[in-house]
């Protein structure tokens, strides 16, 4: 199994419930295909670098997971079919990137425990 990181941007016109439903849909696709979700981060509403479909903001979501390469194709087909997703990017993480992500998560976790 390879480690992947996917970031997708949801349209800003969604309510919180609709946004959570969309994220749950993609998380469900991954778990149904046997992927192991390592980390999930909700980055919230951010300004886009350039307008996409006449929208200047979007909800950003990051999911790190381990899966077989065939899962990526199914996930990206669902990204393309869902009109709530305006952009997505899935990256296969090499071992150094995976180590860095692990260190970043542990550092973030210790900061949240101190607060």
N, C-alpha and C. Protein backbone atom coordinates (compact mmCIF):
# COMPACT_ATOMS: atom_id res chain seq x y z
N UNK A 1 0.84 -1.18 0.00
CA UNK A 1 0.00 0.00 0.00
C UNK A 1 0.89 1.24 0.00
N UNK A 2 0.47 2.22 -0.75
CA UNK A 2 1.17 3.50 -0.84
C UNK A 2 0.48 4.52 0.06
N UNK A 3 1.22 5.55 0.43
CA UNK A 3 0.63 6.63 1.21
C UNK A 3 0.33 7.79 0.28
N UNK A 4 -0.87 8.35 0.41
CA UNK A 4 -1.33 9.43 -0.44
C UNK A 4 -1.84 10.58 0.41
N UNK A 5 -1.87 11.74 -0.23
CA UNK A 5 -2.42 12.94 0.40
C UNK A 5 -3.31 13.59 -0.65
N UNK A 6 -4.55 13.86 -0.30
CA UNK A 6 -5.43 14.53 -1.26
C UNK A 6 -6.01 15.79 -0.62
N UNK A 7 -6.01 16.85 -1.39
CA UNK A 7 -6.61 18.11 -0.98
C UNK A 7 -7.69 18.43 -1.99
N UNK A 8 -8.87 18.77 -1.49
CA UNK A 8 -9.92 19.17 -2.40
C UNK A 8 -10.61 20.42 -1.89
N UNK A 9 -11.15 21.18 -2.84
CA UNK A 9 -11.81 22.45 -2.52
C UNK A 9 -13.28 22.30 -2.86
N UNK A 10 -14.13 22.59 -1.88
CA UNK A 10 -15.57 22.53 -2.08
C UNK A 10 -16.11 23.93 -2.31
N UNK A 11 -17.17 24.01 -3.07
CA UNK A 11 -17.78 25.30 -3.40
C UNK A 11 -18.21 26.04 -2.13
N UNK A 12 -18.08 27.35 -2.07
CA UNK A 12 -18.36 28.10 -0.84
C UNK A 12 -19.85 28.29 -0.54
N UNK A 13 -20.74 27.91 -1.44
CA UNK A 13 -22.17 28.12 -1.21
C UNK A 13 -22.80 27.02 -0.36
N UNK A 14 -22.02 26.05 0.09
CA UNK A 14 -22.55 24.94 0.89
C UNK A 14 -22.74 25.36 2.34
N UNK A 15 -23.76 24.78 2.97
CA UNK A 15 -23.92 24.97 4.41
C UNK A 15 -22.94 24.03 5.11
N UNK A 16 -22.81 24.18 6.43
CA UNK A 16 -21.90 23.30 7.18
C UNK A 16 -22.32 21.84 7.04
N UNK A 17 -23.62 21.58 7.10
CA UNK A 17 -24.11 20.20 6.99
C UNK A 17 -23.80 19.62 5.61
N UNK A 18 -23.99 20.40 4.56
CA UNK A 18 -23.71 19.93 3.20
C UNK A 18 -22.21 19.68 3.02
N UNK A 19 -21.39 20.54 3.61
CA UNK A 19 -19.95 20.38 3.50
C UNK A 19 -19.50 19.10 4.22
N UNK A 20 -20.02 18.87 5.42
CA UNK A 20 -19.68 17.66 6.17
C UNK A 20 -20.14 16.42 5.42
N UNK A 21 -21.30 16.50 4.78
CA UNK A 21 -21.83 15.37 4.01
C UNK A 21 -20.91 15.04 2.84
N UNK A 22 -20.40 16.07 2.16
CA UNK A 22 -19.49 15.86 1.02
C UNK A 22 -18.19 15.22 1.50
N UNK A 23 -17.64 15.70 2.61
CA UNK A 23 -16.40 15.13 3.14
C UNK A 23 -16.64 13.68 3.57
N UNK A 24 -17.77 13.41 4.21
CA UNK A 24 -18.10 12.05 4.63
C UNK A 24 -18.23 11.12 3.43
N UNK A 25 -18.77 11.64 2.32
CA UNK A 25 -18.92 10.84 1.11
C UNK A 25 -17.55 10.36 0.62
N UNK A 26 -16.58 11.26 0.54
CA UNK A 26 -15.25 10.90 0.04
C UNK A 26 -14.50 10.03 1.04
N UNK A 27 -14.69 10.28 2.34
CA UNK A 27 -14.09 9.43 3.36
C UNK A 27 -14.68 8.02 3.25
N UNK A 28 -15.98 7.94 3.01
CA UNK A 28 -16.66 6.66 2.86
C UNK A 28 -16.17 5.88 1.65
N UNK A 29 -15.92 6.59 0.55
CA UNK A 29 -15.39 5.94 -0.66
C UNK A 29 -14.04 5.30 -0.34
N UNK A 30 -13.20 6.04 0.37
CA UNK A 30 -11.87 5.53 0.71
C UNK A 30 -11.96 4.30 1.61
N UNK A 31 -12.75 4.38 2.66
CA UNK A 31 -12.84 3.25 3.59
C UNK A 31 -13.52 2.05 2.94
N UNK A 32 -14.48 2.28 2.06
CA UNK A 32 -15.14 1.17 1.36
C UNK A 32 -14.18 0.44 0.45
N UNK A 33 -13.19 1.13 -0.07
CA UNK A 33 -12.20 0.52 -0.96
C UNK A 33 -11.01 -0.05 -0.19
N UNK A 34 -11.07 -0.02 1.13
CA UNK A 34 -10.01 -0.62 1.95
C UNK A 34 -8.87 0.30 2.30
N UNK A 35 -9.04 1.60 2.11
CA UNK A 35 -7.99 2.56 2.46
C UNK A 35 -7.98 2.80 3.97
N UNK A 36 -6.81 3.08 4.49
CA UNK A 36 -6.64 3.39 5.90
C UNK A 36 -6.40 4.88 6.02
N UNK A 37 -7.35 5.60 6.61
CA UNK A 37 -7.22 7.05 6.75
C UNK A 37 -6.29 7.35 7.92
N UNK A 38 -5.23 8.10 7.64
CA UNK A 38 -4.22 8.41 8.64
C UNK A 38 -4.52 9.74 9.33
N UNK A 39 -4.87 10.74 8.54
CA UNK A 39 -5.08 12.08 9.08
C UNK A 39 -6.10 12.81 8.22
N UNK A 40 -6.84 13.67 8.87
CA UNK A 40 -7.83 14.49 8.15
C UNK A 40 -7.79 15.88 8.77
N UNK A 41 -7.72 16.89 7.92
CA UNK A 41 -7.68 18.27 8.41
C UNK A 41 -8.71 19.10 7.65
N UNK A 42 -9.44 19.88 8.41
CA UNK A 42 -10.39 20.81 7.80
C UNK A 42 -9.75 22.19 7.89
N UNK A 43 -9.39 22.75 6.73
CA UNK A 43 -8.71 24.04 6.71
C UNK A 43 -9.69 25.20 6.66
N UNK A 44 -10.95 24.93 6.41
CA UNK A 44 -11.96 25.97 6.42
C UNK A 44 -12.02 26.78 5.13
N UNK A 45 -12.72 27.90 5.21
CA UNK A 45 -12.92 28.77 4.06
C UNK A 45 -11.65 29.59 3.81
N UNK A 46 -11.14 29.50 2.60
CA UNK A 46 -9.93 30.24 2.22
C UNK A 46 -10.18 30.96 0.90
N UNK A 47 -9.44 32.04 0.71
CA UNK A 47 -9.51 32.78 -0.55
C UNK A 47 -8.70 32.03 -1.60
N UNK A 48 -9.24 31.90 -2.79
CA UNK A 48 -8.55 31.23 -3.89
C UNK A 48 -7.55 32.19 -4.53
N UNK A 49 -6.50 31.64 -5.11
CA UNK A 49 -5.48 32.45 -5.77
C UNK A 49 -6.04 33.13 -7.02
N UNK A 50 -7.00 32.48 -7.65
CA UNK A 50 -7.66 33.02 -8.84
C UNK A 50 -9.09 32.49 -8.86
N UNK A 51 -10.02 33.21 -9.48
CA UNK A 51 -11.41 32.74 -9.50
C UNK A 51 -11.57 31.42 -10.26
N UNK A 52 -12.37 30.53 -9.70
CA UNK A 52 -12.71 29.26 -10.33
C UNK A 52 -14.23 29.21 -10.41
N UNK A 53 -14.75 29.08 -11.62
CA UNK A 53 -16.20 29.07 -11.83
C UNK A 53 -16.86 30.30 -11.19
N UNK A 54 -16.22 31.44 -11.31
CA UNK A 54 -16.67 32.74 -10.78
C UNK A 54 -16.74 32.77 -9.25
N UNK A 55 -16.04 31.88 -8.59
CA UNK A 55 -15.98 31.85 -7.13
C UNK A 55 -14.58 32.26 -6.69
N UNK A 56 -14.50 33.03 -5.61
CA UNK A 56 -13.20 33.52 -5.14
C UNK A 56 -12.78 32.87 -3.82
N UNK A 57 -13.67 32.06 -3.21
CA UNK A 57 -13.34 31.36 -1.97
C UNK A 57 -13.80 29.91 -2.08
N UNK A 58 -13.34 29.08 -1.14
CA UNK A 58 -13.75 27.68 -1.12
C UNK A 58 -13.37 27.03 0.20
N UNK A 59 -14.03 25.91 0.51
CA UNK A 59 -13.73 25.13 1.71
C UNK A 59 -12.63 24.13 1.37
N UNK A 60 -11.50 24.20 2.07
CA UNK A 60 -10.38 23.30 1.82
C UNK A 60 -10.43 22.13 2.79
N UNK A 61 -10.12 20.94 2.29
CA UNK A 61 -10.09 19.72 3.10
C UNK A 61 -8.87 18.89 2.70
N UNK A 62 -8.15 18.34 3.67
CA UNK A 62 -6.98 17.50 3.42
C UNK A 62 -7.23 16.13 4.05
N UNK A 63 -6.95 15.08 3.29
CA UNK A 63 -7.04 13.71 3.81
C UNK A 63 -5.76 12.98 3.45
N UNK A 64 -5.11 12.41 4.46
CA UNK A 64 -3.93 11.55 4.24
C UNK A 64 -4.38 10.12 4.47
N UNK A 65 -3.99 9.22 3.57
CA UNK A 65 -4.43 7.83 3.69
C UNK A 65 -3.45 6.88 3.03
N UNK A 66 -3.56 5.61 3.40
CA UNK A 66 -2.79 4.53 2.76
C UNK A 66 -3.78 3.70 1.97
N UNK A 67 -3.44 3.42 0.70
CA UNK A 67 -4.35 2.67 -0.15
C UNK A 67 -3.60 2.05 -1.31
N UNK A 68 -4.29 1.16 -2.00
CA UNK A 68 -3.78 0.58 -3.23
C UNK A 68 -3.94 1.62 -4.35
N UNK A 69 -3.10 1.59 -5.38
CA UNK A 69 -3.19 2.57 -6.47
C UNK A 69 -4.54 2.58 -7.21
N UNK A 70 -5.25 1.47 -7.23
CA UNK A 70 -6.53 1.42 -7.94
C UNK A 70 -7.60 2.27 -7.25
N UNK A 71 -7.44 2.52 -5.97
CA UNK A 71 -8.41 3.32 -5.22
C UNK A 71 -8.41 4.77 -5.70
N UNK A 72 -7.24 5.28 -6.10
CA UNK A 72 -7.11 6.67 -6.51
C UNK A 72 -8.00 6.97 -7.71
N UNK A 73 -8.03 6.08 -8.67
CA UNK A 73 -8.85 6.29 -9.85
C UNK A 73 -10.33 6.40 -9.48
N UNK A 74 -10.81 5.54 -8.60
CA UNK A 74 -12.21 5.58 -8.17
C UNK A 74 -12.52 6.88 -7.41
N UNK A 75 -11.58 7.30 -6.58
CA UNK A 75 -11.76 8.53 -5.81
C UNK A 75 -11.83 9.74 -6.74
N UNK A 76 -10.92 9.81 -7.71
CA UNK A 76 -10.89 10.96 -8.61
C UNK A 76 -12.08 10.99 -9.56
N UNK A 77 -12.59 9.84 -9.95
CA UNK A 77 -13.82 9.81 -10.77
C UNK A 77 -14.96 10.43 -9.97
N UNK A 78 -15.04 10.11 -8.68
CA UNK A 78 -16.08 10.70 -7.84
C UNK A 78 -15.87 12.19 -7.63
N UNK A 79 -14.62 12.64 -7.54
CA UNK A 79 -14.36 14.08 -7.46
C UNK A 79 -14.88 14.78 -8.72
N UNK A 80 -14.60 14.20 -9.88
CA UNK A 80 -15.04 14.82 -11.15
C UNK A 80 -16.55 14.84 -11.28
N UNK A 81 -17.23 13.83 -10.78
CA UNK A 81 -18.69 13.73 -10.92
C UNK A 81 -19.44 14.63 -9.94
N UNK A 82 -18.82 15.00 -8.86
CA UNK A 82 -19.51 15.77 -7.81
C UNK A 82 -19.38 17.27 -8.11
N UNK A 83 -20.52 17.94 -8.30
CA UNK A 83 -20.48 19.37 -8.64
C UNK A 83 -20.08 20.25 -7.46
N UNK A 84 -20.03 19.70 -6.25
CA UNK A 84 -19.61 20.48 -5.09
C UNK A 84 -18.10 20.68 -5.06
N UNK A 85 -17.34 19.82 -5.75
CA UNK A 85 -15.88 19.90 -5.76
C UNK A 85 -15.45 20.78 -6.92
N UNK A 86 -14.70 21.86 -6.61
CA UNK A 86 -14.25 22.73 -7.70
C UNK A 86 -12.80 22.45 -8.09
N UNK A 87 -11.98 21.90 -7.18
CA UNK A 87 -10.63 21.47 -7.51
C UNK A 87 -10.23 20.34 -6.57
N UNK A 88 -9.30 19.49 -7.03
CA UNK A 88 -8.75 18.43 -6.19
C UNK A 88 -7.35 18.11 -6.67
N UNK A 89 -6.56 17.57 -5.77
CA UNK A 89 -5.21 17.13 -6.12
C UNK A 89 -4.84 15.98 -5.19
N UNK A 90 -4.44 14.86 -5.78
CA UNK A 90 -4.00 13.70 -5.01
C UNK A 90 -2.54 13.45 -5.34
N UNK A 91 -1.72 13.30 -4.30
CA UNK A 91 -0.28 13.14 -4.46
C UNK A 91 0.16 11.88 -3.73
N UNK A 92 0.97 11.07 -4.40
CA UNK A 92 1.59 9.91 -3.75
C UNK A 92 2.79 10.44 -2.96
N UNK A 93 2.81 10.11 -1.68
CA UNK A 93 3.87 10.62 -0.82
C UNK A 93 5.05 9.65 -0.80
N UNK A 94 6.23 10.18 -1.08
CA UNK A 94 7.44 9.37 -0.95
C UNK A 94 7.75 9.22 0.53
N UNK A 95 8.73 8.40 0.87
CA UNK A 95 8.98 8.09 2.28
C UNK A 95 9.38 9.32 3.09
N UNK A 96 10.13 10.26 2.49
CA UNK A 96 10.54 11.46 3.23
C UNK A 96 9.36 12.40 3.47
N UNK A 97 8.48 12.49 2.51
CA UNK A 97 7.28 13.32 2.69
C UNK A 97 6.38 12.71 3.75
N UNK A 98 6.28 11.41 3.77
CA UNK A 98 5.47 10.73 4.79
C UNK A 98 6.06 10.94 6.17
N UNK A 99 7.38 10.89 6.28
CA UNK A 99 8.04 11.14 7.57
C UNK A 99 7.81 12.58 8.02
N UNK A 100 7.90 13.51 7.09
CA UNK A 100 7.68 14.92 7.42
C UNK A 100 6.24 15.13 7.89
N UNK A 101 5.27 14.51 7.19
CA UNK A 101 3.87 14.65 7.57
C UNK A 101 3.63 14.08 8.96
N UNK A 102 4.27 12.96 9.27
CA UNK A 102 4.16 12.35 10.60
C UNK A 102 4.71 13.28 11.67
N UNK A 103 5.87 13.89 11.40
CA UNK A 103 6.48 14.82 12.35
C UNK A 103 5.59 16.06 12.54
N UNK A 104 5.02 16.56 11.45
CA UNK A 104 4.14 17.73 11.50
C UNK A 104 2.88 17.42 12.33
N UNK A 105 2.32 16.24 12.15
CA UNK A 105 1.12 15.84 12.91
C UNK A 105 1.43 15.73 14.40
N UNK A 106 2.56 15.10 14.74
CA UNK A 106 2.91 14.93 16.15
C UNK A 106 3.20 16.28 16.80
N UNK A 107 3.86 17.18 16.06
CA UNK A 107 4.13 18.52 16.59
C UNK A 107 2.83 19.28 16.82
N UNK A 108 1.92 19.17 15.87
CA UNK A 108 0.63 19.84 15.99
C UNK A 108 -0.17 19.29 17.17
N UNK A 109 -0.07 17.96 17.39
CA UNK A 109 -0.80 17.32 18.46
C UNK A 109 -0.26 17.75 19.83
N UNK A 110 1.06 17.87 19.95
CA UNK A 110 1.63 18.29 21.23
C UNK A 110 1.27 19.74 21.54
N UNK A 111 1.19 20.58 20.51
CA UNK A 111 0.79 21.97 20.73
C UNK A 111 -0.65 22.06 21.21
N UNK A 112 -1.53 21.22 20.62
CA UNK A 112 -2.94 21.26 21.02
C UNK A 112 -3.13 20.70 22.43
N UNK A 113 -2.27 19.75 22.84
CA UNK A 113 -2.37 19.20 24.20
C UNK A 113 -1.88 20.20 25.23
N UNK A 114 -0.92 21.05 24.86
CA UNK A 114 -0.41 22.05 25.79
C UNK A 114 -1.42 23.16 26.04
N UNK A 115 -2.25 23.46 25.04
CA UNK A 115 -3.19 24.58 25.14
C UNK A 115 -4.36 24.29 26.05
